[in-house]
Each structure stands twice: as C-alpha cells, then as structure tokens.
C-alpha cells in the first residue's frame, strides 16, 4: 500500500501550504484530495510534486506492506 505521510511532513518542513500548491503551482484540488484519501496518483503527478518541492520521491510517498494489497 502506498501512503503519503511523507508528503505532509515534507510540506511542513518546507513551510509550503496546499493553498500554494493549488493556486500558485496549478496542482488540482482533486489531486490534494486524492493524497488526503490515500488514493493512487500518476507518476506524472508524483514527478510534478517532486519538482515543485525539490525533493526525492521518498519524501512524497512510501510503500507499506498491507494485508489489503491485492494478491499477485
């Protein structure tokens, strides 16, 4: 399961608000909503967030094993 807890820590550490991402960087409010709900993001969106926040992917998302993961 992909979790976005690192994203919130990165925003706080860099003193960047979701308002800034939405209104100054053109990240859609639905994308912020997807992050809040732990829903999937495209790699393009993750790339955009890394570029905007000047950070590594590990500072946006993290994989955490879960029993809810689909069986392979």
Protein backbone atom coordinates (compact mmCIF):
# COMPACT_ATOMS: atom_id res chain seq x y z
CA UNK A 1 0.00 0.00 0.00
CA UNK A 2 1.31 3.43 -0.92
CA UNK A 3 0.95 6.05 1.82
CA UNK A 4 1.52 9.78 1.55
CA UNK A 5 2.56 10.60 5.12
CA UNK A 6 5.99 11.73 3.85
CA UNK A 7 4.26 14.31 1.64
CA UNK A 8 2.67 16.03 4.64
CA UNK A 9 5.98 16.03 6.54
CA UNK A 10 7.75 17.49 3.51
CA UNK A 11 5.16 20.26 3.15
CA UNK A 12 5.53 21.13 6.83
CA UNK A 13 9.34 21.06 6.72
CA UNK A 14 9.41 23.31 3.65
CA UNK A 15 6.66 25.56 5.03
CA UNK A 16 4.52 25.10 1.92
CA UNK A 17 0.73 25.01 2.08
CA UNK A 18 -1.75 23.12 -0.03
CA UNK A 19 -3.14 26.56 -0.94
CA UNK A 20 0.23 27.39 -2.50
CA UNK A 21 0.29 24.10 -4.43
CA UNK A 22 -3.23 24.64 -5.75
CA UNK A 23 -3.19 28.35 -6.56
CA UNK A 24 0.47 29.05 -7.35
CA UNK A 25 1.68 25.72 -8.77
CA UNK A 26 -1.52 24.58 -10.51
CA UNK A 27 -1.80 21.28 -8.64
CA UNK A 28 -5.51 20.45 -8.74
CA UNK A 29 -7.53 20.38 -5.55
CA UNK A 30 -8.68 16.89 -6.56
CA UNK A 31 -5.03 15.76 -6.51
CA UNK A 32 -4.66 17.09 -2.97
CA UNK A 33 -7.91 15.29 -2.12
CA UNK A 34 -6.54 12.04 -3.56
CA UNK A 35 -3.42 12.40 -1.41
CA UNK A 36 -5.56 13.06 1.68
CA UNK A 37 -7.61 9.92 0.99
CA UNK A 38 -4.57 7.78 0.16
CA UNK A 39 -5.75 7.18 -3.39
CA UNK A 40 -3.41 6.43 -6.32
CA UNK A 41 -1.52 9.19 -8.14
CA UNK A 42 0.06 9.02 -11.56
CA UNK A 43 3.83 9.02 -11.86
CA UNK A 44 3.48 12.31 -13.75
CA UNK A 45 1.80 13.89 -10.72
CA UNK A 46 4.45 12.49 -8.38
CA UNK A 47 7.11 13.86 -10.73
CA UNK A 48 5.45 17.31 -10.66
CA UNK A 49 5.30 17.29 -6.86
CA UNK A 50 8.97 16.27 -6.60
CA UNK A 51 9.92 19.07 -8.98
CA UNK A 52 7.83 21.68 -7.18
CA UNK A 53 9.01 20.63 -3.72
CA UNK A 54 12.58 19.98 -4.89
CA UNK A 55 12.61 16.59 -3.19
CA UNK A 56 13.01 12.87 -3.80
CA UNK A 57 10.09 10.50 -4.34
CA UNK A 58 10.65 9.07 -0.85
CA UNK A 59 9.68 12.47 0.51
CA UNK A 60 6.28 12.20 -1.22
CA UNK A 61 5.22 8.56 -0.90
CA UNK A 62 6.18 5.36 0.85
CA UNK A 63 5.31 1.70 0.33
CA UNK A 64 3.99 -0.05 3.42
CA UNK A 65 3.12 -3.77 3.15
CA UNK A 66 -0.53 -4.45 3.89
CA UNK A 67 -2.87 -7.42 4.09
CA UNK A 68 -5.27 -5.36 1.95
CA UNK A 69 -2.88 -5.47 -1.02
CA UNK A 70 -4.17 -7.45 -3.98
CA UNK A 71 -2.84 -10.98 -4.32
CA UNK A 72 -0.23 -11.45 -7.03
